Amino acid sequence: MIFLSLKTYKEATGDAVIKLLSSVKQVSQESGIPIIPVAQPTDIYRIKKELDVEVWAQHMDPIDPGKNMGWLSPYSLKEAGATGVIINHSEHKTNDEEVKKILDKAREYQLKNVV
């Protein structure tokens, strides 16, 4: 399998991400190799709805629904259609204690993960 990190490039955001991933979906189907986009949280719902492909989140915070303005909850990512999350990427590092908390929440919300 291939994880395709979409980062925050303009060419991989909004309407552009659908165009890009339409081609990626075709390559994945033709090759038989799963290609999983790792998207910004703002694009996860759109990707899932318009392309119906597996999509992962670039990050999440170890929180439950509630008053956590500005945080990314595993609940909202799951509801948007994410099936997994990248944890402790070199561009979004977290300490060991935080990694453990995020892993626990990923398991609780049945989100696959790569650390």
Protein backbone atom coordinates (compact mmCIF):
# COMPACT_ATOMS: atom_id res chain seq x y z
CA MET A 1 0.00 0.00 0.00
CA ILE A 2 1.03 3.59 -0.55
CA PHE A 3 0.18 6.51 1.71
CA LEU A 4 -0.13 9.69 -0.32
CA SER A 5 0.51 12.69 1.94
CA LEU A 6 -1.37 15.63 0.50
CA LYS A 7 0.23 18.10 2.95
CA THR A 8 -1.36 21.56 2.59
CA TYR A 9 -0.56 22.26 -1.05
CA LYS A 10 -3.09 24.32 -3.02
CA GLU A 11 -2.99 21.61 -5.70
CA ALA A 12 -4.23 19.09 -3.12
CA THR A 13 -6.93 21.17 -1.46
CA GLY A 14 -10.63 21.68 -2.11
CA ASP A 15 -11.81 21.06 -5.68
CA ALA A 16 -8.23 20.37 -6.79
CA VAL A 17 -7.93 17.39 -4.44
CA ILE A 18 -10.89 15.69 -6.10
CA LYS A 19 -9.34 16.07 -9.54
CA LEU A 20 -5.98 14.78 -8.28
CA LEU A 21 -7.43 11.84 -6.37
CA SER A 22 -9.69 10.83 -9.27
CA SER A 23 -6.49 10.02 -11.17
CA VAL A 24 -4.95 8.38 -8.12
CA LYS A 25 -8.05 6.21 -7.66
CA GLN A 26 -7.81 5.06 -11.28
CA VAL A 27 -4.10 4.18 -10.89
CA SER A 28 -4.88 2.29 -7.69
CA GLN A 29 -7.66 0.30 -9.37
CA GLU A 30 -5.58 -0.50 -12.45
CA SER A 31 -2.47 -1.50 -10.49
CA GLY A 32 -4.25 -3.30 -7.64
CA ILE A 33 -2.13 -1.33 -5.16
CA PRO A 34 -4.08 0.49 -2.46
CA ILE A 35 -3.20 4.21 -2.47
CA ILE A 36 -4.52 5.92 0.64
CA PRO A 37 -4.68 9.71 0.67
CA VAL A 38 -3.69 11.38 3.92
CA ALA A 39 -5.70 14.57 3.79
CA GLN A 40 -6.30 17.79 5.60
CA PRO A 41 -9.28 17.50 7.93
CA THR A 42 -11.19 20.07 5.86
CA ASP A 43 -11.08 17.79 2.82
CA ILE A 44 -11.77 14.37 4.38
CA TYR A 45 -15.56 14.53 4.11
CA ARG A 46 -15.44 15.79 0.51
CA ILE A 47 -12.98 13.07 -0.54
CA LYS A 48 -15.01 10.33 1.09
CA LYS A 49 -18.32 11.60 -0.32
CA GLU A 50 -17.20 12.34 -3.87
CA LEU A 51 -14.71 9.53 -4.47
CA ASP A 52 -15.59 6.89 -1.87
CA VAL A 53 -11.96 5.97 -1.21
CA GLU A 54 -10.26 5.17 2.06
CA VAL A 55 -8.86 8.40 3.50
CA TRP A 56 -6.73 9.08 6.55
CA ALA A 57 -6.16 12.19 8.66
CA GLN A 58 -2.80 13.92 8.92
CA HIS A 59 -3.11 14.37 12.70
CA MET A 60 -5.56 14.22 15.57
CA ASP A 61 -5.61 15.26 19.19
CA PRO A 62 -6.38 12.90 22.08
CA ILE A 63 -9.71 14.47 23.02
CA ASP A 64 -13.36 13.58 23.22
CA PRO A 65 -16.18 15.75 21.92
CA GLY A 66 -16.65 18.87 24.01
CA LYS A 67 -15.20 22.31 24.48
CA ASN A 68 -11.90 21.92 22.65
CA MET A 69 -11.84 24.78 20.13
CA GLY A 70 -9.07 24.45 17.57
CA TRP A 71 -8.35 20.77 18.27
CA LEU A 72 -8.95 17.79 15.97
CA SER A 73 -11.13 15.21 17.64
CA PRO A 74 -11.04 11.53 16.67
CA TYR A 75 -14.83 11.57 16.78
CA SER A 76 -15.12 14.32 14.16
CA LEU A 77 -12.48 12.71 11.93
CA LYS A 78 -14.31 9.39 12.08
CA GLU A 79 -17.64 11.10 11.35
CA ALA A 80 -16.07 12.86 8.36
CA GLY A 81 -15.08 9.47 6.94
CA ALA A 82 -11.47 9.02 8.03
CA THR A 83 -10.48 5.42 8.71
CA GLY A 84 -7.00 6.14 10.02
CA VAL A 85 -4.53 8.74 11.23
CA ILE A 86 -0.82 9.46 10.99
CA ILE A 87 0.70 9.96 14.44
CA ASN A 88 3.92 11.84 15.22
CA HIS A 89 4.89 12.76 11.66
CA SER A 90 8.21 14.57 11.36
CA GLU A 91 6.30 17.71 10.35
CA HIS A 92 3.92 17.46 13.33
CA LYS A 93 5.96 15.95 16.14
CA THR A 94 4.50 15.00 19.49
CA ASN A 95 6.25 13.73 22.60
CA ASP A 96 6.10 10.10 23.73
CA GLU A 97 3.40 10.77 26.32
CA GLU A 98 1.19 12.47 23.74
CA VAL A 99 1.78 9.65 21.23
CA LYS A 100 0.49 7.16 23.81
CA LYS A 101 -2.63 9.26 24.43
CA ILE A 102 -3.31 9.63 20.70
CA LEU A 103 -2.84 5.89 20.15
CA ASP A 104 -5.29 5.15 22.95
CA LYS A 105 -7.88 7.47 21.36
CA ALA A 106 -7.26 6.01 17.90
CA ARG A 107 -8.01 2.55 19.28
CA GLU A 108 -11.05 3.81 21.17
CA TYR A 109 -12.48 5.30 17.96
CA GLN A 110 -11.34 2.35 15.82
CA LEU A 111 -9.01 4.44 13.66
CA LYS A 112 -6.09 2.66 12.04
CA ASN A 113 -2.77 4.34 12.56
CA VAL A 114 0.86 4.68 11.56
CA VAL A 115 3.27 6.08 14.10
